[in-house]
Amino acid sequence: MTKIFSLYTLFRKDETYEQIHKFKNANLDLVSPLIHSFMNLIEMGLENDSNDAYMYATMAFVDKTIVNKDFILIRNGITLLTRILKIKRKYKEAYQYSSKMLQIIETIN
């Protein structure tokens, strides 16, 4: 998952598609539905990461990770979301989600 996310943030689309394909074909039974959801989100972002539907899907994903207290996915989801918000020039919202992540980190520690 981390490798796929790293490739995606580096805009290496062909490599990311290849890794997602491998991930989906691996049929990993122990992987949580949230991780599958994250992979689908990245795949959706490869198609078009600048539309509003993708931004809202990412926000919904982040909210789910916060409820489930999955720290790794919270961090990855918020990183992804702040990137999208910055692309859309929604700096205030990006700052608010970054602040939310810092509050969660402090709560966990």
PDB file of N, CA and C in Angstrom:
ATOM      1  N   MET A   1       0.821  -1.185   0.000  1.00  0.00           N
ATOM      2  CA  MET A   1       0.000   0.000   0.000  1.00  0.00           C
ATOM      3  C   MET A   1       0.872   1.258   0.000  1.00  0.00           C
ATOM      4  N   THR A   2       1.887   1.264   0.838  1.00  0.00           N
ATOM      5  CA  THR A   2       2.758   2.430   0.931  1.00  0.00           C
ATOM      6  C   THR A   2       3.483   2.677  -0.390  1.00  0.00           C
ATOM      7  N   LYS A   3       3.915   1.586  -1.039  1.00  0.00           N
ATOM      8  CA  LYS A   3       4.615   1.716  -2.318  1.00  0.00           C
ATOM      9  C   LYS A   3       3.685   2.314  -3.375  1.00  0.00           C
ATOM     10  N   ILE A   4       2.452   1.838  -3.414  1.00  0.00           N
ATOM     11  CA  ILE A   4       1.475   2.346  -4.385  1.00  0.00           C
ATOM     12  C   ILE A   4       1.228   3.832  -4.142  1.00  0.00           C
ATOM     13  N   PHE A   5       1.060   4.208  -2.880  1.00  0.00           N
ATOM     14  CA  PHE A   5       0.807   5.608  -2.547  1.00  0.00           C
ATOM     15  C   PHE A   5       2.007   6.483  -2.918  1.00  0.00           C
ATOM     16  N   SER A   6       3.207   5.988  -2.659  1.00  0.00           N
ATOM     17  CA  SER A   6       4.421   6.749  -3.009  1.00  0.00           C
ATOM     18  C   SER A   6       4.515   6.960  -4.514  1.00  0.00           C
ATOM     19  N   LEU A   7       4.252   5.905  -5.272  1.00  0.00           N
ATOM     20  CA  LEU A   7       4.294   6.032  -6.735  1.00  0.00           C
ATOM     21  C   LEU A   7       3.247   7.028  -7.219  1.00  0.00           C
ATOM     22  N   TYR A   8       2.080   6.982  -6.611  1.00  0.00           N
ATOM     23  CA  TYR A   8       0.996   7.891  -7.004  1.00  0.00           C
ATOM     24  C   TYR A   8       1.373   9.347  -6.733  1.00  0.00           C
ATOM     25  N   THR A   9       1.932   9.610  -5.543  1.00  0.00           N
ATOM     26  CA  THR A   9       2.283  10.993  -5.222  1.00  0.00           C
ATOM     27  C   THR A   9       3.436  11.499  -6.082  1.00  0.00           C
ATOM     28  N   LEU A  10       4.210  10.580  -6.649  1.00  0.00           N
ATOM     29  CA  LEU A  10       5.291  10.971  -7.557  1.00  0.00           C
ATOM     30  C   LEU A  10       4.810  11.062  -9.013  1.00  0.00           C
ATOM     31  N   PHE A  11       3.502  10.866  -9.231  1.00  0.00           N
ATOM     32  CA  PHE A  11       2.883  10.932 -10.559  1.00  0.00           C
ATOM     33  C   PHE A  11       3.449   9.903 -11.531  1.00  0.00           C
ATOM     34  N   ARG A  12       3.774   8.722 -11.021  1.00  0.00           N
ATOM     35  CA  ARG A  12       4.232   7.641 -11.897  1.00  0.00           C
ATOM     36  C   ARG A  12       3.046   6.737 -12.192  1.00  0.00           C
ATOM     37  N   LYS A  13       2.231   7.169 -13.144  1.00  0.00           N
ATOM     38  CA  LYS A  13       0.950   6.517 -13.385  1.00  0.00           C
ATOM     39  C   LYS A  13       1.079   5.063 -13.836  1.00  0.00           C
ATOM     40  N   ASP A  14       1.958   4.787 -14.806  1.00  0.00           N
ATOM     41  CA  ASP A  14       2.070   3.414 -15.307  1.00  0.00           C
ATOM     42  C   ASP A  14       2.491   2.449 -14.210  1.00  0.00           C
ATOM     43  N   GLU A  15       3.472   2.851 -13.415  1.00  0.00           N
ATOM     44  CA  GLU A  15       3.930   2.002 -12.317  1.00  0.00           C
ATOM     45  C   GLU A  15       2.840   1.824 -11.264  1.00  0.00           C
ATOM     46  N   THR A  16       2.094   2.884 -11.008  1.00  0.00           N
ATOM     47  CA  THR A  16       1.024   2.818 -10.012  1.00  0.00           C
ATOM     48  C   THR A  16      -0.069   1.874 -10.476  1.00  0.00           C
ATOM     49  N   TYR A  17      -0.484   2.001 -11.735  1.00  0.00           N
ATOM     50  CA  TYR A  17      -1.501   1.090 -12.276  1.00  0.00           C
ATOM     51  C   TYR A  17      -1.036  -0.366 -12.166  1.00  0.00           C
ATOM     52  N   GLU A  18       0.235  -0.596 -12.490  1.00  0.00           N
ATOM     53  CA  GLU A  18       0.788  -1.957 -12.430  1.00  0.00           C
ATOM     54  C   GLU A  18       0.735  -2.509 -11.002  1.00  0.00           C
ATOM     55  N   GLN A  19       1.127  -1.684 -10.024  1.00  0.00           N
ATOM     56  CA  GLN A  19       1.119  -2.125  -8.625  1.00  0.00           C
ATOM     57  C   GLN A  19      -0.296  -2.348  -8.109  1.00  0.00           C
ATOM     58  N   ILE A  20      -1.244  -1.494  -8.502  1.00  0.00           N
ATOM     59  CA  ILE A  20      -2.642  -1.679  -8.101  1.00  0.00           C
ATOM     60  C   ILE A  20      -3.176  -2.974  -8.694  1.00  0.00           C
ATOM     61  N   HIS A  21      -2.840  -3.234  -9.943  1.00  0.00           N
ATOM     62  CA  HIS A  21      -3.274  -4.473 -10.597  1.00  0.00           C
ATOM     63  C   HIS A  21      -2.732  -5.693  -9.834  1.00  0.00           C
ATOM     64  N   LYS A  22      -1.469  -5.652  -9.455  1.00  0.00           N
ATOM     65  CA  LYS A  22      -0.872  -6.747  -8.671  1.00  0.00           C
ATOM     66  C   LYS A  22      -1.579  -6.902  -7.327  1.00  0.00           C
ATOM     67  N   PHE A  23      -1.856  -5.777  -6.693  1.00  0.00           N
ATOM     68  CA  PHE A  23      -2.525  -5.787  -5.387  1.00  0.00           C
ATOM     69  C   PHE A  23      -3.904  -6.431  -5.504  1.00  0.00           C
ATOM     70  N   LYS A  24      -4.663  -6.027  -6.516  1.00  0.00           N
ATOM     71  CA  LYS A  24      -6.012  -6.561  -6.673  1.00  0.00           C
ATOM     72  C   LYS A  24      -5.998  -8.047  -7.044  1.00  0.00           C
ATOM     73  N   ASN A  25      -5.008  -8.458  -7.822  1.00  0.00           N
ATOM     74  CA  ASN A  25      -4.924  -9.861  -8.221  1.00  0.00           C
ATOM     75  C   ASN A  25      -4.378 -10.753  -7.109  1.00  0.00           C
ATOM     76  N   ALA A  26      -3.760 -10.165  -6.099  1.00  0.00           N
ATOM     77  CA  ALA A  26      -3.204 -10.953  -4.998  1.00  0.00           C
ATOM     78  C   ALA A  26      -4.300 -11.558  -4.130  1.00  0.00           C
ATOM     79  N   ASN A  27      -5.493 -10.972  -4.150  1.00  0.00           N
ATOM     80  CA  ASN A  27      -6.639 -11.486  -3.395  1.00  0.00           C
ATOM     81  C   ASN A  27      -6.280 -11.711  -1.920  1.00  0.00           C
ATOM     82  N   LEU A  28      -5.861 -10.664  -1.283  1.00  0.00           N
ATOM     83  CA  LEU A  28      -5.431 -10.733   0.112  1.00  0.00           C
ATOM     84  C   LEU A  28      -6.642 -10.674   1.037  1.00  0.00           C
ATOM     85  N   ASP A  29      -6.957 -11.800   1.638  1.00  0.00           N
ATOM     86  CA  ASP A  29      -8.154 -11.893   2.479  1.00  0.00           C
ATOM     87  C   ASP A  29      -8.064 -11.087   3.770  1.00  0.00           C
ATOM     88  N   LEU A  30      -6.852 -10.892   4.280  1.00  0.00           N
ATOM     89  CA  LEU A  30      -6.691 -10.218   5.565  1.00  0.00           C
ATOM     90  C   LEU A  30      -6.647  -8.699   5.457  1.00  0.00           C
ATOM     91  N   VAL A  31      -6.681  -8.188   4.249  1.00  0.00           N
ATOM     92  CA  VAL A  31      -6.621  -6.741   4.044  1.00  0.00           C
ATOM     93  C   VAL A  31      -7.987  -6.140   4.350  1.00  0.00           C
ATOM     94  N   SER A  32      -7.979  -5.055   5.095  1.00  0.00           N
ATOM     95  CA  SER A  32      -9.237  -4.434   5.530  1.00  0.00           C
ATOM     96  C   SER A  32      -9.977  -3.775   4.365  1.00  0.00           C
ATOM     97  N   PRO A  33     -11.287  -3.636   4.507  1.00  0.00           N
ATOM     98  CA  PRO A  33     -12.071  -2.923   3.483  1.00  0.00           C
ATOM     99  C   PRO A  33     -11.587  -1.485   3.285  1.00  0.00           C
ATOM    100  N   LEU A  34     -11.040  -0.872   4.361  1.00  0.00           N
ATOM    101  CA  LEU A  34     -10.523   0.498   4.231  1.00  0.00           C
ATOM    102  C   LEU A  34      -9.326   0.556   3.297  1.00  0.00           C
ATOM    103  N   ILE A  35      -8.480  -0.457   3.339  1.00  0.00           N
ATOM    104  CA  ILE A  35      -7.313  -0.474   2.438  1.00  0.00           C
ATOM    105  C   ILE A  35      -7.788  -0.637   1.002  1.00  0.00           C
ATOM    106  N   HIS A  36      -8.763  -1.525   0.782  1.00  0.00           N
ATOM    107  CA  HIS A  36      -9.324  -1.665  -0.566  1.00  0.00           C
ATOM    108  C   HIS A  36      -9.934  -0.343  -1.025  1.00  0.00           C
ATOM    109  N   SER A  37     -10.592   0.327  -0.122  1.00  0.00           N
ATOM    110  CA  SER A  37     -11.195   1.624  -0.425  1.00  0.00           C
ATOM    111  C   SER A  37     -10.109   2.635  -0.807  1.00  0.00           C
ATOM    112  N   PHE A  38      -8.985   2.605  -0.089  1.00  0.00           N
ATOM    113  CA  PHE A  38      -7.866   3.507  -0.383  1.00  0.00           C
ATOM    114  C   PHE A  38      -7.294   3.227  -1.769  1.00  0.00           C
ATOM    115  N   MET A  39      -7.150   1.947  -2.114  1.00  0.00           N
ATOM    116  CA  MET A  39      -6.632   1.585  -3.441  1.00  0.00           C
ATOM    117  C   MET A  39      -7.594   2.083  -4.530  1.00  0.00           C
ATOM    118  N   ASN A  40      -8.881   1.926  -4.299  1.00  0.00           N
ATOM    119  CA  ASN A  40      -9.873   2.411  -5.273  1.00  0.00           C
ATOM    120  C   ASN A  40      -9.797   3.926  -5.420  1.00  0.00           C
ATOM    121  N   LEU A  41      -9.545   4.604  -4.301  1.00  0.00           N
ATOM    122  CA  LEU A  41      -9.423   6.063  -4.322  1.00  0.00           C
ATOM    123  C   LEU A  41      -8.209   6.491  -5.151  1.00  0.00           C
ATOM    124  N   ILE A  42      -7.099   5.813  -4.970  1.00  0.00           N
ATOM    125  CA  ILE A  42      -5.897   6.134  -5.750  1.00  0.00           C
ATOM    126  C   ILE A  42      -6.154   5.874  -7.234  1.00  0.00           C
ATOM    127  N   GLU A  43      -6.804   4.752  -7.517  1.00  0.00           N
ATOM    128  CA  GLU A  43      -7.117   4.432  -8.909  1.00  0.00           C
ATOM    129  C   GLU A  43      -8.022   5.506  -9.518  1.00  0.00           C
ATOM    130  N   MET A  44      -8.994   5.949  -8.748  1.00  0.00           N
ATOM    131  CA  MET A  44      -9.891   7.014  -9.191  1.00  0.00           C
ATOM    132  C   MET A  44      -9.094   8.304  -9.438  1.00  0.00           C
ATOM    133  N   GLY A  45      -8.128   8.580  -8.591  1.00  0.00           N
ATOM    134  CA  GLY A  45      -7.297   9.765  -8.736  1.00  0.00           C
ATOM    135  C   GLY A  45      -6.412   9.727  -9.960  1.00  0.00           C
ATOM    136  N   LEU A  46      -6.002   8.523 -10.344  1.00  0.00           N
ATOM    137  CA  LEU A  46      -5.196   8.394 -11.560  1.00  0.00           C
ATOM    138  C   LEU A  46      -6.010   8.774 -12.791  1.00  0.00           C
ATOM    139  N   GLU A  47      -7.309   8.512 -12.720  1.00  0.00           N
ATOM    140  CA  GLU A  47      -8.185   8.863 -13.844  1.00  0.00           C
ATOM    141  C   GLU A  47      -8.403  10.370 -13.913  1.00  0.00           C
ATOM    142  N   ASN A  48      -8.730  10.968 -12.753  1.00  0.00           N
ATOM    143  CA  ASN A  48      -8.973  12.417 -12.729  1.00  0.00           C
ATOM    144  C   ASN A  48      -8.964  12.891 -11.277  1.00  0.00           C
ATOM    145  N   ASP A  49      -7.879  13.525 -10.875  1.00  0.00           N
ATOM    146  CA  ASP A  49      -7.776  13.967  -9.476  1.00  0.00           C
ATOM    147  C   ASP A  49      -8.151  15.430  -9.282  1.00  0.00           C
ATOM    148  N   SER A  50      -8.742  16.049 -10.297  1.00  0.00           N
ATOM    149  CA  SER A  50      -9.061  17.469 -10.146  1.00  0.00           C
ATOM    150  C   SER A  50     -10.567  17.756 -10.151  1.00  0.00           C
ATOM    151  N   ASN A  51     -11.401  16.703 -10.180  1.00  0.00           N
ATOM    152  CA  ASN A  51     -12.840  16.991 -10.158  1.00  0.00           C
ATOM    153  C   ASN A  51     -13.376  16.975  -8.724  1.00  0.00           C
ATOM    154  N   ASP A  52     -14.516  17.585  -8.548  1.00  0.00           N
ATOM    155  CA  ASP A  52     -15.109  17.706  -7.212  1.00  0.00           C
ATOM    156  C   ASP A  52     -15.514  16.358  -6.629  1.00  0.00           C
ATOM    157  N   ALA A  53     -15.963  15.432  -7.468  1.00  0.00           N
ATOM    158  CA  ALA A  53     -16.388  14.111  -6.986  1.00  0.00           C
ATOM    159  C   ALA A  53     -15.224  13.406  -6.294  1.00  0.00           C
ATOM    160  N   TYR A  54     -14.029  13.529  -6.866  1.00  0.00           N
ATOM    161  CA  TYR A  54     -12.855  12.900  -6.265  1.00  0.00           C
ATOM    162  C   TYR A  54     -12.507  13.558  -4.925  1.00  0.00           C
ATOM    163  N   MET A  55     -12.615  14.871  -4.882  1.00  0.00           N
ATOM    164  CA  MET A  55     -12.333  15.591  -3.638  1.00  0.00           C
ATOM    165  C   MET A  55     -13.298  15.130  -2.534  1.00  0.00           C
ATOM    166  N   TYR A  56     -14.586  15.037  -2.854  1.00  0.00           N
ATOM    167  CA  TYR A  56     -15.570  14.617  -1.852  1.00  0.00           C
ATOM    168  C   TYR A  56     -15.394  13.156  -1.458  1.00  0.00           C
ATOM    169  N   ALA A  57     -15.016  12.305  -2.411  1.00  0.00           N
ATOM    170  CA  ALA A  57     -14.753  10.894  -2.099  1.00  0.00           C
ATOM    171  C   ALA A  57     -13.575  10.783  -1.142  1.00  0.00           C
ATOM    172  N   THR A  58     -12.564  11.611  -1.348  1.00  0.00           N
ATOM    173  CA  THR A  58     -11.388  11.603  -0.470  1.00  0.00           C
ATOM    174  C   THR A  58     -11.758  12.108   0.917  1.00  0.00           C
ATOM    175  N   MET A  59     -12.579  13.144   0.991  1.00  0.00           N
ATOM    176  CA  MET A  59     -13.039  13.646   2.295  1.00  0.00           C
ATOM    177  C   MET A  59     -13.810  12.558   3.050  1.00  0.00           C
ATOM    178  N   ALA A  60     -14.689  11.857   2.339  1.00  0.00           N
ATOM    179  CA  ALA A  60     -15.470  10.782   2.967  1.00  0.00           C
ATOM    180  C   ALA A  60     -14.548   9.676   3.461  1.00  0.00           C
ATOM    181  N   PHE A  61     -13.516   9.367   2.680  1.00  0.00           N
ATOM    182  CA  PHE A  61     -12.559   8.342   3.084  1.00  0.00           C
ATOM    183  C   PHE A  61     -11.831   8.761   4.365  1.00  0.00           C
ATOM    184  N   VAL A  62     -11.375   9.993   4.413  1.00  0.00           N
ATOM    185  CA  VAL A  62     -10.672  10.494   5.593  1.00  0.00           C
ATOM    186  C   VAL A  62     -11.576  10.414   6.820  1.00  0.00           C
ATOM    187  N   ASP A  63     -12.822  10.787   6.668  1.00  0.00           N
ATOM    188  CA  ASP A  63     -13.761  10.708   7.789  1.00  0.00           C
ATOM    189  C   ASP A  63     -13.918   9.268   8.285  1.00  0.00           C
ATOM    190  N   LYS A  64     -13.963   8.297   7.352  1.00  0.00           N
ATOM    191  CA  LYS A  64     -14.060   6.878   7.740  1.00  0.00           C
ATOM    192  C   LYS A  64     -12.823   6.431   8.505  1.00  0.00           C
ATOM    193  N   THR A  65     -11.645   6.862   8.039  1.00  0.00           N
ATOM    194  CA  THR A  65     -10.408   6.438   8.714  1.00  0.00           C
ATOM    195  C   THR A  65     -10.332   7.012  10.118  1.00  0.00           C
ATOM    196  N   ILE A  66     -10.836   8.233  10.293  1.00  0.00           N
ATOM    197  CA  ILE A  66     -10.830   8.858  11.619  1.00  0.00           C
ATOM    198  C   ILE A  66     -11.753   8.087  12.557  1.00  0.00           C
ATOM    199  N   VAL A  67     -12.920   7.721  12.073  1.00  0.00           N
ATOM    200  CA  VAL A  67     -13.862   6.942  12.881  1.00  0.00           C
ATOM    201  C   VAL A  67     -13.253   5.592  13.265  1.00  0.00           C
ATOM    202  N   ASN A  68     -12.549   4.969  12.315  1.00  0.00           N
ATOM    203  CA  ASN A  68     -11.943   3.654  12.556  1.00  0.00           C
ATOM    204  C   ASN A  68     -10.589   3.723  13.270  1.00  0.00           C
ATOM    205  N   LYS A  69     -10.091   4.945  13.482  1.00  0.00           N
ATOM    206  CA  LYS A  69      -8.819   5.170  14.178  1.00  0.00           C
ATOM    207  C   LYS A  69      -7.652   4.389  13.549  1.00  0.00           C
ATOM    208  N   ASP A  70      -7.628   4.370  12.211  1.00  0.00           N
ATOM    209  CA  ASP A  70      -6.541   3.719  11.484  1.00  0.00           C
ATOM    210  C   ASP A  70      -5.498   4.786  11.160  1.00  0.00           C
ATOM    211  N   PHE A  71      -4.479   4.898  12.004  1.00  0.00           N
ATOM    212  CA  PHE A  71      -3.545   6.013  11.922  1.00  0.00           C
ATOM    213  C   PHE A  71      -2.835   6.101  10.572  1.00  0.00           C
ATOM    214  N   ILE A  72      -2.382   4.965  10.039  1.00  0.00           N
ATOM    215  CA  ILE A  72      -1.649   4.997   8.766  1.00  0.00           C
ATOM    216  C   ILE A  72      -2.547   5.510   7.649  1.00  0.00           C
ATOM    217  N   LEU A  73      -3.782   5.027   7.615  1.00  0.00           N
ATOM    218  CA  LEU A  73      -4.698   5.486   6.574  1.00  0.00           C
ATOM    219  C   LEU A  73      -5.171   6.918   6.825  1.00  0.00           C
ATOM    220  N   ILE A  74      -5.253   7.321   8.080  1.00  0.00           N
ATOM    221  CA  ILE A  74      -5.577   8.730   8.377  1.00  0.00           C
ATOM    222  C   ILE A  74      -4.488   9.615   7.778  1.00  0.00           C
ATOM    223  N   ARG A  75      -3.238   9.274   8.066  1.00  0.00           N
ATOM    224  CA  ARG A  75      -2.110  10.073   7.565  1.00  0.00           C
ATOM    225  C   ARG A  75      -2.086  10.092   6.037  1.00  0.00           C
ATOM    226  N   ASN A  76      -2.210   8.912   5.419  1.00  0.00           N
ATOM    227  CA  ASN A  76      -2.179   8.850   3.956  1.00  0.00           C
ATOM    228  C   ASN A  76      -3.376   9.561   3.343  1.00  0.00           C
ATOM    229  N   GLY A  77      -4.545   9.361   3.944  1.00  0.00           N
ATOM    230  CA  GLY A  77      -5.753   9.998   3.419  1.00  0.00           C
ATOM    231  C   GLY A  77      -5.691  11.513   3.512  1.00  0.00           C
ATOM    232  N   ILE A  78      -5.223  12.016   4.633  1.00  0.00           N
ATOM    233  CA  ILE A  78      -5.136  13.471   4.800  1.00  0.00           C
ATOM    234  C   ILE A  78      -4.045  14.055   3.906  1.00  0.00           C
ATOM    235  N   THR A  79      -2.957  13.328   3.733  1.00  0.00           N
ATOM    236  CA  THR A  79      -1.912  13.777   2.806  1.00  0.00           C
ATOM    237  C   THR A  79      -2.487  13.888   1.395  1.00  0.00           C
ATOM    238  N   LEU A  80      -3.240  12.874   1.010  1.00  0.00           N
ATOM    239  CA  LEU A  80      -3.879  12.871  -0.303  1.00  0.00           C
ATOM    240  C   LEU A  80      -4.891  14.009  -0.417  1.00  0.00           C
ATOM    241  N   LEU A  81      -5.696  14.176   0.602  1.00  0.00           N
ATOM    242  CA  LEU A  81      -6.734  15.203   0.582  1.00  0.00           C
ATOM    243  C   LEU A  81      -6.135  16.606   0.542  1.00  0.00           C
ATOM    244  N   THR A  82      -5.108  16.871   1.349  1.00  0.00           N
ATOM    245  CA  THR A  82      -4.515  18.215   1.329  1.00  0.00           C
ATOM    246  C   THR A  82      -3.889  18.498  -0.031  1.00  0.00           C
ATOM    247  N   ARG A  83      -3.329  17.474  -0.679  1.00  0.00           N
ATOM    248  CA  ARG A  83      -2.765  17.646  -2.018  1.00  0.00           C
ATOM    249  C   ARG A  83      -3.865  18.062  -2.995  1.00  0.00           C
ATOM    250  N   ILE A  84      -5.006  17.376  -2.925  1.00  0.00           N
ATOM    251  CA  ILE A  84      -6.126  17.682  -3.814  1.00  0.00           C
ATOM    252  C   ILE A  84      -6.681  19.073  -3.533  1.00  0.00           C
ATOM    253  N   LEU A  85      -6.821  19.410  -2.258  1.00  0.00           N
ATOM    254  CA  LEU A  85      -7.339  20.729  -1.902  1.00  0.00           C
ATOM    255  C   LEU A  85      -6.409  21.842  -2.375  1.00  0.00           C
ATOM    256  N   LYS A  86      -5.113  21.599  -2.317  1.00  0.00           N
ATOM    257  CA  LYS A  86      -4.165  22.598  -2.810  1.00  0.00           C
ATOM    258  C   LYS A  86      -4.259  22.739  -4.321  1.00  0.00           C
ATOM    259  N   ILE A  87      -4.451  21.617  -5.029  1.00  0.00           N
ATOM    260  CA  ILE A  87      -4.627  21.674  -6.482  1.00  0.00           C
ATOM    261  C   ILE A  87      -5.845  22.546  -6.807  1.00  0.00           C
ATOM    262  N   LYS A  88      -6.889  22.406  -6.001  1.00  0.00           N
ATOM    263  CA  LYS A  88      -8.125  23.154  -6.228  1.00  0.00           C
ATOM    264  C   LYS A  88      -8.087  24.541  -5.565  1.00  0.00           C
ATOM    265  N   ARG A  89      -6.929  24.895  -5.020  1.00  0.00           N
ATOM    266  CA  ARG A  89      -6.709  26.195  -4.371  1.00  0.00           C
ATOM    267  C   ARG A  89      -7.644  26.434  -3.190  1.00  0.00           C
ATOM    268  N   LYS A  90      -7.908  25.380  -2.443  1.00  0.00           N
ATOM    269  CA  LYS A  90      -8.723  25.473  -1.234  1.00  0.00           C
ATOM    270  C   LYS A  90      -7.774  25.348  -0.033  1.00  0.00           C
ATOM    271  N   TYR A  91      -6.957  26.368   0.123  1.00  0.00           N
ATOM    272  CA  TYR A  91      -5.897  26.325   1.124  1.00  0.00           C
ATOM    273  C   TYR A  91      -6.422  26.291   2.555  1.00  0.00           C
ATOM    274  N   LYS A  92      -7.511  26.995   2.813  1.00  0.00           N
ATOM    275  CA  LYS A  92      -8.073  27.018   4.166  1.00  0.00           C
ATOM    276  C   LYS A  92      -8.508  25.617   4.590  1.00  0.00           C
ATOM    277  N   GLU A  93      -9.204  24.902   3.686  1.00  0.00           N
ATOM    278  CA  GLU A  93      -9.642  23.540   3.985  1.00  0.00           C
ATOM    279  C   GLU A  93      -8.448  22.606   4.164  1.00  0.00           C
ATOM    280  N   ALA A  94      -7.429  22.787   3.328  1.00  0.00           N
ATOM    281  CA  ALA A  94      -6.225  21.952   3.439  1.00  0.00           C
ATOM    282  C   ALA A  94      -5.582  22.150   4.807  1.00  0.00           C
ATOM    283  N   TYR A  95      -5.514  23.392   5.251  1.00  0.00           N
ATOM    284  CA  TYR A  95      -4.948  23.690   6.568  1.00  0.00           C
ATOM    285  C   TYR A  95      -5.781  23.046   7.675  1.00  0.00           C
ATOM    286  N   GLN A  96      -7.120  23.112   7.541  1.00  0.00           N
ATOM    287  CA  GLN A  96      -7.994  22.544   8.565  1.00  0.00           C
ATOM    288  C   GLN A  96      -7.794  21.026   8.691  1.00  0.00           C
ATOM    289  N   TYR A  97      -7.665  20.327   7.564  1.00  0.00           N
ATOM    290  CA  TYR A  97      -7.441  18.876   7.626  1.00  0.00           C
ATOM    291  C   TYR A  97      -6.059  18.552   8.179  1.00  0.00           C
ATOM    292  N   SER A  98      -5.059  19.354   7.828  1.00  0.00           N
ATOM    293  CA  SER A  98      -3.722  19.144   8.390  1.00  0.00           C
ATOM    294  C   SER A  98      -3.746  19.333   9.901  1.00  0.00           C
ATOM    295  N   SER A  99      -4.483  20.337  10.363  1.00  0.00           N
ATOM    296  CA  SER A  99      -4.614  20.582  11.807  1.00  0.00           C
ATOM    297  C   SER A  99      -5.317  19.415  12.488  1.00  0.00           C
ATOM    298  N   LYS A 100      -6.345  18.899  11.832  1.00  0.00           N
ATOM    299  CA  LYS A 100      -7.083  17.757  12.380  1.00  0.00           C
ATOM    300  C   LYS A 100      -6.142  16.561  12.558  1.00  0.00           C
ATOM    301  N   MET A 101      -5.251  16.346  11.565  1.00  0.00           N
ATOM    302  CA  MET A 101      -4.313  15.233  11.658  1.00  0.00           C
ATOM    303  C   MET A 101      -3.364  15.444  12.832  1.00  0.00           C
ATOM    304  N   LEU A 102      -2.877  16.661  13.034  1.00  0.00           N
ATOM    305  CA  LEU A 102      -1.987  16.923  14.154  1.00  0.00           C
ATOM    306  C   LEU A 102      -2.686  16.683  15.493  1.00  0.00           C
ATOM    307  N   GLN A 103      -3.953  17.050  15.587  1.00  0.00           N
ATOM    308  CA  GLN A 103      -4.719  16.800  16.816  1.00  0.00           C
ATOM    309  C   GLN A 103      -4.852  15.294  17.068  1.00  0.00           C
ATOM    310  N   ILE A 104      -5.085  14.539  16.006  1.00  0.00           N
ATOM    311  CA  ILE A 104      -5.215  13.076  16.139  1.00  0.00           C
ATOM    312  C   ILE A 104      -3.892  12.479  16.613  1.00  0.00           C
ATOM    313  N   ILE A 105      -2.788  12.947  16.049  1.00  0.00           N
ATOM    314  CA  ILE A 105      -1.454  12.456  16.437  1.00  0.00           C
ATOM    315  C   ILE A 105      -1.213  12.731  17.922  1.00  0.00           C
ATOM    316  N   GLU A 106      -1.544  13.944  18.348  1.00  0.00           N
ATOM    317  CA  GLU A 106      -1.367  14.292  19.763  1.00  0.00           C
ATOM    318  C   GLU A 106      -2.220  13.427  20.671  1.00  0.00           C
ATOM    319  N   THR A 107      -3.449  13.123  20.233  1.00  0.00           N
ATOM    320  CA  THR A 107      -4.350  12.282  21.011  1.00  0.00           C
ATOM    321  C   THR A 107      -3.793  10.864  21.135  1.00  0.00           C
ATOM    322  N   ILE A 108      -3.232  10.344  20.024  1.00  0.00           N
ATOM    323  CA  ILE A 108      -2.667   8.997  20.046  1.00  0.00           C
ATOM    324  C   ILE A 108      -1.451   8.928  20.948  1.00  0.00           C
ATOM    325  N   ASN A 109      -0.610   9.958  20.898  1.00  0.00           N
ATOM    326  CA  ASN A 109       0.596   9.972  21.741  1.00  0.00           C
ATOM    327  C   ASN A 109       0.201  10.258  23.153  1.00  0.00           C
TER     328      ASN A 109
END
